[in-house]
Amino acid sequence: MTKADIVNEIAKSTGIEKVQVMSVVEEFTKVVKASIIAGEPVYLRGFGSFIIKHRAEKAARNITRKQTMTIPAHDIPAFKPAKIFVNAVKEK
């Protein structure tokens, strides 16, 4: 499902114009991105959490050059689904 599909579904089920729904979806993604960049997780009860995961520094190998390199510690955005959501997917 794409962003356009999501907008179409919301517009169809609510009766709101697609342009307005698209602006709300765009603003939602902007707010989530800004919060994660600022280091604040976003919790959506019953859906899940957008969180920041810390990856420790590690050694890796480039097998084509036969070199060992160090990947520095870094943070990545992640999504952790709520238990209700996970159970609904399991039960289908």
PDB file of N, CA and C in Angstrom:
ATOM      1  N   MET A   1       0.854  -1.176   0.000  1.00  0.00           N
ATOM      2  CA  MET A   1       0.000   0.000   0.000  1.00  0.00           C
ATOM      3  C   MET A   1       0.897   1.236   0.000  1.00  0.00           C
ATOM      4  N   THR A   2       0.590   2.169  -0.876  1.00  0.00           N
ATOM      5  CA  THR A   2       1.367   3.401  -0.977  1.00  0.00           C
ATOM      6  C   THR A   2       0.670   4.536  -0.233  1.00  0.00           C
ATOM      7  N   LYS A   3       1.344   5.675  -0.161  1.00  0.00           N
ATOM      8  CA  LYS A   3       0.754   6.844   0.486  1.00  0.00           C
ATOM      9  C   LYS A   3      -0.525   7.262  -0.243  1.00  0.00           C
ATOM     10  N   ALA A   4      -0.512   7.188  -1.566  1.00  0.00           N
ATOM     11  CA  ALA A   4      -1.702   7.536  -2.350  1.00  0.00           C
ATOM     12  C   ALA A   4      -2.857   6.594  -2.032  1.00  0.00           C
ATOM     13  N   ASP A   5      -2.568   5.303  -1.851  1.00  0.00           N
ATOM     14  CA  ASP A   5      -3.607   4.344  -1.488  1.00  0.00           C
ATOM     15  C   ASP A   5      -4.190   4.662  -0.108  1.00  0.00           C
ATOM     16  N   ILE A   6      -3.323   5.032   0.814  1.00  0.00           N
ATOM     17  CA  ILE A   6      -3.789   5.396   2.154  1.00  0.00           C
ATOM     18  C   ILE A   6      -4.696   6.616   2.077  1.00  0.00           C
ATOM     19  N   VAL A   7      -4.286   7.625   1.316  1.00  0.00           N
ATOM     20  CA  VAL A   7      -5.089   8.838   1.161  1.00  0.00           C
ATOM     21  C   VAL A   7      -6.438   8.497   0.546  1.00  0.00           C
ATOM     22  N   ASN A   8      -6.449   7.650  -0.474  1.00  0.00           N
ATOM     23  CA  ASN A   8      -7.712   7.257  -1.116  1.00  0.00           C
ATOM     24  C   ASN A   8      -8.638   6.542  -0.141  1.00  0.00           C
ATOM     25  N   GLU A   9      -8.091   5.623   0.652  1.00  0.00           N
ATOM     26  CA  GLU A   9      -8.910   4.884   1.619  1.00  0.00           C
ATOM     27  C   GLU A   9      -9.506   5.811   2.677  1.00  0.00           C
ATOM     28  N   ILE A  10      -8.691   6.718   3.198  1.00  0.00           N
ATOM     29  CA  ILE A  10      -9.184   7.647   4.222  1.00  0.00           C
ATOM     30  C   ILE A  10     -10.231   8.577   3.634  1.00  0.00           C
ATOM     31  N   ALA A  11      -9.986   9.083   2.440  1.00  0.00           N
ATOM     32  CA  ALA A  11     -10.950   9.981   1.791  1.00  0.00           C
ATOM     33  C   ALA A  11     -12.266   9.260   1.537  1.00  0.00           C
ATOM     34  N   LYS A  12     -12.189   8.022   1.108  1.00  0.00           N
ATOM     35  CA  LYS A  12     -13.396   7.247   0.818  1.00  0.00           C
ATOM     36  C   LYS A  12     -14.195   6.960   2.080  1.00  0.00           C
ATOM     37  N   SER A  13     -13.501   6.591   3.170  1.00  0.00           N
ATOM     38  CA  SER A  13     -14.214   6.212   4.390  1.00  0.00           C
ATOM     39  C   SER A  13     -14.709   7.409   5.199  1.00  0.00           C
ATOM     40  N   THR A  14     -14.062   8.575   5.063  1.00  0.00           N
ATOM     41  CA  THR A  14     -14.479   9.732   5.859  1.00  0.00           C
ATOM     42  C   THR A  14     -15.285  10.763   5.076  1.00  0.00           C
ATOM     43  N   GLY A  15     -15.157  10.754   3.746  1.00  0.00           N
ATOM     44  CA  GLY A  15     -15.847  11.749   2.940  1.00  0.00           C
ATOM     45  C   GLY A  15     -15.101  13.069   2.833  1.00  0.00           C
ATOM     46  N   ILE A  16     -13.886  13.121   3.352  1.00  0.00           N
ATOM     47  CA  ILE A  16     -13.072  14.333   3.271  1.00  0.00           C
ATOM     48  C   ILE A  16     -12.343  14.325   1.930  1.00  0.00           C
ATOM     49  N   GLU A  17     -12.122  15.511   1.375  1.00  0.00           N
ATOM     50  CA  GLU A  17     -11.451  15.611   0.081  1.00  0.00           C
ATOM     51  C   GLU A  17     -10.029  15.070   0.150  1.00  0.00           C
ATOM     52  N   LYS A  18      -9.577  14.497  -0.978  1.00  0.00           N
ATOM     53  CA  LYS A  18      -8.247  13.893  -1.030  1.00  0.00           C
ATOM     54  C   LYS A  18      -7.143  14.912  -0.760  1.00  0.00           C
ATOM     55  N   VAL A  19      -7.316  16.136  -1.213  1.00  0.00           N
ATOM     56  CA  VAL A  19      -6.300  17.165  -1.014  1.00  0.00           C
ATOM     57  C   VAL A  19      -6.100  17.429   0.472  1.00  0.00           C
ATOM     58  N   GLN A  20      -7.189  17.510   1.212  1.00  0.00           N
ATOM     59  CA  GLN A  20      -7.097  17.745   2.648  1.00  0.00           C
ATOM     60  C   GLN A  20      -6.479  16.546   3.370  1.00  0.00           C
ATOM     61  N   VAL A  21      -6.887  15.342   2.966  1.00  0.00           N
ATOM     62  CA  VAL A  21      -6.332  14.135   3.580  1.00  0.00           C
ATOM     63  C   VAL A  21      -4.830  14.059   3.313  1.00  0.00           C
ATOM     64  N   MET A  22      -4.414  14.377   2.085  1.00  0.00           N
ATOM     65  CA  MET A  22      -2.996  14.341   1.739  1.00  0.00           C
ATOM     66  C   MET A  22      -2.199  15.320   2.589  1.00  0.00           C
ATOM     67  N   SER A  23      -2.742  16.510   2.819  1.00  0.00           N
ATOM     68  CA  SER A  23      -2.024  17.487   3.638  1.00  0.00           C
ATOM     69  C   SER A  23      -1.905  17.006   5.085  1.00  0.00           C
ATOM     70  N   VAL A  24      -2.928  16.335   5.599  1.00  0.00           N
ATOM     71  CA  VAL A  24      -2.870  15.802   6.964  1.00  0.00           C
ATOM     72  C   VAL A  24      -1.833  14.680   7.053  1.00  0.00           C
ATOM     73  N   VAL A  25      -1.826  13.787   6.074  1.00  0.00           N
ATOM     74  CA  VAL A  25      -0.851  12.688   6.066  1.00  0.00           C
ATOM     75  C   VAL A  25       0.571  13.240   5.956  1.00  0.00           C
ATOM     76  N   GLU A  26       0.777  14.227   5.088  1.00  0.00           N
ATOM     77  CA  GLU A  26       2.097  14.845   4.937  1.00  0.00           C
ATOM     78  C   GLU A  26       2.545  15.507   6.248  1.00  0.00           C
ATOM     79  N   GLU A  27       1.640  16.226   6.889  1.00  0.00           N
ATOM     80  CA  GLU A  27       1.977  16.898   8.148  1.00  0.00           C
ATOM     81  C   GLU A  27       2.275  15.877   9.248  1.00  0.00           C
ATOM     82  N   PHE A  28       1.519  14.782   9.266  1.00  0.00           N
ATOM     83  CA  PHE A  28       1.772  13.710  10.236  1.00  0.00           C
ATOM     84  C   PHE A  28       3.190  13.174  10.081  1.00  0.00           C
ATOM     85  N   THR A  29       3.596  12.893   8.853  1.00  0.00           N
ATOM     86  CA  THR A  29       4.946  12.358   8.633  1.00  0.00           C
ATOM     87  C   THR A  29       6.011  13.388   9.007  1.00  0.00           C
ATOM     88  N   LYS A  30       5.746  14.670   8.751  1.00  0.00           N
ATOM     89  CA  LYS A  30       6.696  15.719   9.131  1.00  0.00           C
ATOM     90  C   LYS A  30       6.878  15.780  10.646  1.00  0.00           C
ATOM     91  N   VAL A  31       5.774  15.685  11.371  1.00  0.00           N
ATOM     92  CA  VAL A  31       5.826  15.752  12.835  1.00  0.00           C
ATOM     93  C   VAL A  31       6.575  14.538  13.397  1.00  0.00           C
ATOM     94  N   VAL A  32       6.299  13.356  12.860  1.00  0.00           N
ATOM     95  CA  VAL A  32       6.978  12.149  13.328  1.00  0.00           C
ATOM     96  C   VAL A  32       8.478  12.255  13.046  1.00  0.00           C
ATOM     97  N   LYS A  33       8.851  12.670  11.838  1.00  0.00           N
ATOM     98  CA  LYS A  33      10.267  12.819  11.493  1.00  0.00           C
ATOM     99  C   LYS A  33      10.952  13.831  12.403  1.00  0.00           C
ATOM    100  N   ALA A  34      10.319  14.978  12.631  1.00  0.00           N
ATOM    101  CA  ALA A  34      10.908  16.019  13.472  1.00  0.00           C
ATOM    102  C   ALA A  34      11.098  15.527  14.901  1.00  0.00           C
ATOM    103  N   SER A  35      10.130  14.779  15.417  1.00  0.00           N
ATOM    104  CA  SER A  35      10.236  14.259  16.782  1.00  0.00           C
ATOM    105  C   SER A  35      11.376  13.260  16.898  1.00  0.00           C
ATOM    106  N   ILE A  36      11.485  12.365  15.937  1.00  0.00           N
ATOM    107  CA  ILE A  36      12.550  11.365  15.974  1.00  0.00           C
ATOM    108  C   ILE A  36      13.913  12.034  15.831  1.00  0.00           C
ATOM    109  N   ILE A  37      14.040  13.008  14.945  1.00  0.00           N
ATOM    110  CA  ILE A  37      15.300  13.730  14.777  1.00  0.00           C
ATOM    111  C   ILE A  37      15.681  14.444  16.067  1.00  0.00           C
ATOM    112  N   ALA A  38      14.678  14.967  16.784  1.00  0.00           N
ATOM    113  CA  ALA A  38      14.934  15.654  18.051  1.00  0.00           C
ATOM    114  C   ALA A  38      15.221  14.683  19.196  1.00  0.00           C
ATOM    115  N   GLY A  39      15.111  13.378  18.928  1.00  0.00           N
ATOM    116  CA  GLY A  39      15.397  12.379  19.960  1.00  0.00           C
ATOM    117  C   GLY A  39      14.207  11.986  20.797  1.00  0.00           C
ATOM    118  N   GLU A  40      13.007  12.366  20.373  1.00  0.00           N
ATOM    119  CA  GLU A  40      11.790  12.049  21.113  1.00  0.00           C
ATOM    120  C   GLU A  40      11.024  10.940  20.414  1.00  0.00           C
ATOM    121  N   PRO A  41      10.762   9.817  21.105  1.00  0.00           N
ATOM    122  CA  PRO A  41       9.960   8.761  20.482  1.00  0.00           C
ATOM    123  C   PRO A  41       8.503   9.198  20.325  1.00  0.00           C
ATOM    124  N   VAL A  42       7.798   8.579  19.395  1.00  0.00           N
ATOM    125  CA  VAL A  42       6.391   8.881  19.142  1.00  0.00           C
ATOM    126  C   VAL A  42       5.592   7.625  19.469  1.00  0.00           C
ATOM    127  N   TYR A  43       4.650   7.731  20.402  1.00  0.00           N
ATOM    128  CA  TYR A  43       3.837   6.597  20.828  1.00  0.00           C
ATOM    129  C   TYR A  43       2.418   6.757  20.315  1.00  0.00           C
ATOM    130  N   LEU A  44       1.932   5.768  19.579  1.00  0.00           N
ATOM    131  CA  LEU A  44       0.551   5.751  19.099  1.00  0.00           C
ATOM    132  C   LEU A  44      -0.129   4.521  19.704  1.00  0.00           C
ATOM    133  N   ARG A  45      -0.929   4.746  20.744  1.00  0.00           N
ATOM    134  CA  ARG A  45      -1.546   3.649  21.482  1.00  0.00           C
ATOM    135  C   ARG A  45      -2.370   2.761  20.540  1.00  0.00           C
ATOM    136  N   GLY A  46      -2.137   1.456  20.644  1.00  0.00           N
ATOM    137  CA  GLY A  46      -2.858   0.486  19.829  1.00  0.00           C
ATOM    138  C   GLY A  46      -2.255   0.273  18.448  1.00  0.00           C
ATOM    139  N   PHE A  47      -1.285   1.086  18.063  1.00  0.00           N
ATOM    140  CA  PHE A  47      -0.637   0.948  16.752  1.00  0.00           C
ATOM    141  C   PHE A  47       0.831   0.591  16.918  1.00  0.00           C
ATOM    142  N   GLY A  48       1.582   1.443  17.625  1.00  0.00           N
ATOM    143  CA  GLY A  48       2.990   1.168  17.840  1.00  0.00           C
ATOM    144  C   GLY A  48       3.765   2.420  18.181  1.00  0.00           C
ATOM    145  N   SER A  49       5.078   2.273  18.218  1.00  0.00           N
ATOM    146  CA  SER A  49       5.956   3.375  18.594  1.00  0.00           C
ATOM    147  C   SER A  49       7.046   3.561  17.552  1.00  0.00           C
ATOM    148  N   PHE A  50       7.306   4.813  17.235  1.00  0.00           N
ATOM    149  CA  PHE A  50       8.445   5.168  16.407  1.00  0.00           C
ATOM    150  C   PHE A  50       9.547   5.540  17.390  1.00  0.00           C
ATOM    151  N   ILE A  51      10.629   4.776  17.387  1.00  0.00           N
ATOM    152  CA  ILE A  51      11.668   4.947  18.383  1.00  0.00           C
ATOM    153  C   ILE A  51      13.027   5.100  17.708  1.00  0.00           C
ATOM    154  N   ILE A  52      14.032   5.399  18.522  1.00  0.00           N
ATOM    155  CA  ILE A  52      15.407   5.501  18.042  1.00  0.00           C
ATOM    156  C   ILE A  52      16.177   4.334  18.649  1.00  0.00           C
ATOM    157  N   LYS A  53      16.845   3.569  17.797  1.00  0.00           N
ATOM    158  CA  LYS A  53      17.676   2.470  18.275  1.00  0.00           C
ATOM    159  C   LYS A  53      19.137   2.864  18.120  1.00  0.00           C
ATOM    160  N   HIS A  54      19.918   2.551  19.139  1.00  0.00           N
ATOM    161  CA  HIS A  54      21.344   2.846  19.101  1.00  0.00           C
ATOM    162  C   HIS A  54      22.093   1.599  18.653  1.00  0.00           C
ATOM    163  N   ARG A  55      22.927   1.744  17.658  1.00  0.00           N
ATOM    164  CA  ARG A  55      23.771   0.647  17.185  1.00  0.00           C
ATOM    165  C   ARG A  55      25.194   0.892  17.691  1.00  0.00           C
ATOM    166  N   ALA A  56      25.765  -0.090  18.339  1.00  0.00           N
ATOM    167  CA  ALA A  56      27.116   0.034  18.886  1.00  0.00           C
ATOM    168  C   ALA A  56      28.150  -0.039  17.770  1.00  0.00           C
ATOM    169  N   GLU A  57      29.325   0.449  18.064  1.00  0.00           N
ATOM    170  CA  GLU A  57      30.428   0.351  17.107  1.00  0.00           C
ATOM    171  C   GLU A  57      30.760  -1.123  16.891  1.00  0.00           C
ATOM    172  N   LYS A  58      31.065  -1.484  15.645  1.00  0.00           N
ATOM    173  CA  LYS A  58      31.409  -2.878  15.379  1.00  0.00           C
ATOM    174  C   LYS A  58      32.426  -2.974  14.259  1.00  0.00           C
ATOM    175  N   ALA A  59      33.092  -4.105  14.227  1.00  0.00           N
ATOM    176  CA  ALA A  59      34.068  -4.378  13.177  1.00  0.00           C
ATOM    177  C   ALA A  59      33.368  -5.153  12.065  1.00  0.00           C
ATOM    178  N   ALA A  60      33.678  -4.818  10.826  1.00  0.00           N
ATOM    179  CA  ALA A  60      33.103  -5.504   9.678  1.00  0.00           C
ATOM    180  C   ALA A  60      34.215  -5.814   8.694  1.00  0.00           C
ATOM    181  N   ARG A  61      33.938  -6.728   7.770  1.00  0.00           N
ATOM    182  CA  ARG A  61      34.938  -7.100   6.788  1.00  0.00           C
ATOM    183  C   ARG A  61      34.437  -6.810   5.386  1.00  0.00           C
ATOM    184  N   ASN A  62      35.306  -6.211   4.580  1.00  0.00           N
ATOM    185  CA  ASN A  62      35.061  -6.044   3.159  1.00  0.00           C
ATOM    186  C   ASN A  62      35.742  -7.229   2.493  1.00  0.00           C
ATOM    187  N   ILE A  63      34.945  -8.229   2.083  1.00  0.00           N
ATOM    188  CA  ILE A  63      35.548  -9.477   1.608  1.00  0.00           C
ATOM    189  C   ILE A  63      36.188  -9.341   0.230  1.00  0.00           C
ATOM    190  N   THR A  64      35.777  -8.346  -0.557  1.00  0.00           N
ATOM    191  CA  THR A  64      36.403  -8.163  -1.865  1.00  0.00           C
ATOM    192  C   THR A  64      37.807  -7.595  -1.742  1.00  0.00           C
ATOM    193  N   ARG A  65      38.028  -6.714  -0.791  1.00  0.00           N
ATOM    194  CA  ARG A  65      39.347  -6.110  -0.581  1.00  0.00           C
ATOM    195  C   ARG A  65      40.129  -6.793   0.544  1.00  0.00           C
ATOM    196  N   LYS A  66      39.465  -7.714   1.237  1.00  0.00           N
ATOM    197  CA  LYS A  66      40.062  -8.423   2.368  1.00  0.00           C
ATOM    198  C   LYS A  66      40.577  -7.445   3.422  1.00  0.00           C
ATOM    199  N   GLN A  67      39.711  -6.480   3.759  1.00  0.00           N
ATOM    200  CA  GLN A  67      40.040  -5.482   4.771  1.00  0.00           C
ATOM    201  C   GLN A  67      39.043  -5.540   5.902  1.00  0.00           C
ATOM    202  N   THR A  68      39.516  -5.201   7.083  1.00  0.00           N
ATOM    203  CA  THR A  68      38.633  -5.033   8.236  1.00  0.00           C
ATOM    204  C   THR A  68      38.423  -3.543   8.424  1.00  0.00           C
ATOM    205  N   MET A  69      37.172  -3.171   8.623  1.00  0.00           N
ATOM    206  CA  MET A  69      36.866  -1.759   8.854  1.00  0.00           C
ATOM    207  C   MET A  69      35.967  -1.636  10.076  1.00  0.00           C
ATOM    208  N   THR A  70      35.938  -0.461  10.629  1.00  0.00           N
ATOM    209  CA  THR A  70      35.127  -0.198  11.806  1.00  0.00           C
ATOM    210  C   THR A  70      33.913   0.629  11.401  1.00  0.00           C
ATOM    211  N   ILE A  71      32.751   0.138  11.775  1.00  0.00           N
ATOM    212  CA  ILE A  71      31.515   0.889  11.567  1.00  0.00           C
ATOM    213  C   ILE A  71      31.240   1.632  12.865  1.00  0.00           C
ATOM    214  N   PRO A  72      31.186   2.971  12.837  1.00  0.00           N
ATOM    215  CA  PRO A  72      31.014   3.730  14.080  1.00  0.00           C
ATOM    216  C   PRO A  72      29.613   3.539  14.680  1.00  0.00           C
ATOM    217  N   ALA A  73      29.507   3.818  15.958  1.00  0.00           N
ATOM    218  CA  ALA A  73      28.212   3.772  16.629  1.00  0.00           C
ATOM    219  C   ALA A  73      27.293   4.817  16.009  1.00  0.00           C
ATOM    220  N   HIS A  74      26.007   4.467  15.889  1.00  0.00           N
ATOM    221  CA  HIS A  74      25.059   5.394  15.283  1.00  0.00           C
ATOM    222  C   HIS A  74      23.641   5.066  15.747  1.00  0.00           C
ATOM    223  N   ASP A  75      22.757   6.016  15.544  1.00  0.00           N
ATOM    224  CA  ASP A  75      21.339   5.845  15.871  1.00  0.00           C
ATOM    225  C   ASP A  75      20.551   5.667  14.588  1.00  0.00           C
ATOM    226  N   ILE A  76      19.507   4.810  14.651  1.00  0.00           N
ATOM    227  CA  ILE A  76      18.641   4.615  13.495  1.00  0.00           C
ATOM    228  C   ILE A  76      17.182   4.688  13.957  1.00  0.00           C
ATOM    229  N   PRO A  77      16.286   5.171  13.096  1.00  0.00           N
ATOM    230  CA  PRO A  77      14.869   5.153  13.441  1.00  0.00           C
ATOM    231  C   PRO A  77      14.325   3.735  13.293  1.00  0.00           C
ATOM    232  N   ALA A  78      13.359   3.405  14.140  1.00  0.00           N
ATOM    233  CA  ALA A  78      12.755   2.074  14.093  1.00  0.00           C
ATOM    234  C   ALA A  78      11.288   2.175  14.476  1.00  0.00           C
ATOM    235  N   PHE A  79      10.529   1.150  14.115  1.00  0.00           N
ATOM    236  CA  PHE A  79       9.122   1.074  14.484  1.00  0.00           C
ATOM    237  C   PHE A  79       8.913  -0.189  15.293  1.00  0.00           C
ATOM    238  N   LYS A  80       8.258  -0.042  16.446  1.00  0.00           N
ATOM    239  CA  LYS A  80       7.936  -1.189  17.283  1.00  0.00           C
ATOM    240  C   LYS A  80       6.416  -1.283  17.374  1.00  0.00           C
ATOM    241  N   PRO A  81       5.807  -2.302  16.760  1.00  0.00           N
ATOM    242  CA  PRO A  81       4.351  -2.404  16.781  1.00  0.00           C
ATOM    243  C   PRO A  81       3.817  -2.732  18.169  1.00  0.00           C
ATOM    244  N   ALA A  82       2.589  -2.283  18.432  1.00  0.00           N
ATOM    245  CA  ALA A  82       1.931  -2.564  19.704  1.00  0.00           C
ATOM    246  C   ALA A  82       1.515  -4.031  19.745  1.00  0.00           C
ATOM    247  N   LYS A  83       1.380  -4.580  20.951  1.00  0.00           N
ATOM    248  CA  LYS A  83       1.000  -5.992  21.093  1.00  0.00           C
ATOM    249  C   LYS A  83      -0.344  -6.285  20.443  1.00  0.00           C
ATOM    250  N   ILE A  84      -1.289  -5.365  20.564  1.00  0.00           N
ATOM    251  CA  ILE A  84      -2.604  -5.542  19.952  1.00  0.00           C
ATOM    252  C   ILE A  84      -2.462  -5.684  18.438  1.00  0.00           C
ATOM    253  N   PHE A  85      -1.613  -4.861  17.847  1.00  0.00           N
ATOM    254  CA  PHE A  85      -1.359  -4.875  16.416  1.00  0.00           C
ATOM    255  C   PHE A  85      -0.687  -6.195  15.992  1.00  0.00           C
ATOM    256  N   VAL A  86       0.312  -6.625  16.760  1.00  0.00           N
ATOM    257  CA  VAL A  86       1.017  -7.862  16.459  1.00  0.00           C
ATOM    258  C   VAL A  86       0.068  -9.051  16.536  1.00  0.00           C
ATOM    259  N   ASN A  87      -0.759  -9.091  17.574  1.00  0.00           N
ATOM    260  CA  ASN A  87      -1.710 -10.190  17.730  1.00  0.00           C
ATOM    261  C   ASN A  87      -2.740 -10.205  16.609  1.00  0.00           C
ATOM    262  N   ALA A  88      -3.177  -9.045  16.161  1.00  0.00           N
ATOM    263  CA  ALA A  88      -4.147  -8.980  15.058  1.00  0.00           C
ATOM    264  C   ALA A  88      -3.542  -9.527  13.774  1.00  0.00           C
ATOM    265  N   VAL A  89      -2.266  -9.240  13.543  1.00  0.00           N
ATOM    266  CA  VAL A  89      -1.600  -9.760  12.349  1.00  0.00           C
ATOM    267  C   VAL A  89      -1.412 -11.269  12.443  1.00  0.00           C
ATOM    268  N   LYS A  90      -1.077 -11.760  13.638  1.00  0.00           N
ATOM    269  CA  LYS A  90      -0.894 -13.195  13.829  1.00  0.00           C
ATOM    270  C   LYS A  90      -2.191 -13.964  13.588  1.00  0.00           C
ATOM    271  N   GLU A  91      -3.303 -13.391  14.049  1.00  0.00           N
ATOM    272  CA  GLU A  91      -4.591 -14.081  13.962  1.00  0.00           C
ATOM    273  C   GLU A  91      -5.262 -13.945  12.605  1.00  0.00           C
ATOM    274  N   LYS A  92      -4.924 -12.909  11.869  1.00  0.00           N
ATOM    275  CA  LYS A  92      -5.529 -12.603  10.560  1.00  0.00           C
ATOM    276  C   LYS A  92      -6.985 -12.954  10.544  1.00  0.00           C
TER     277      LYS A  92
END
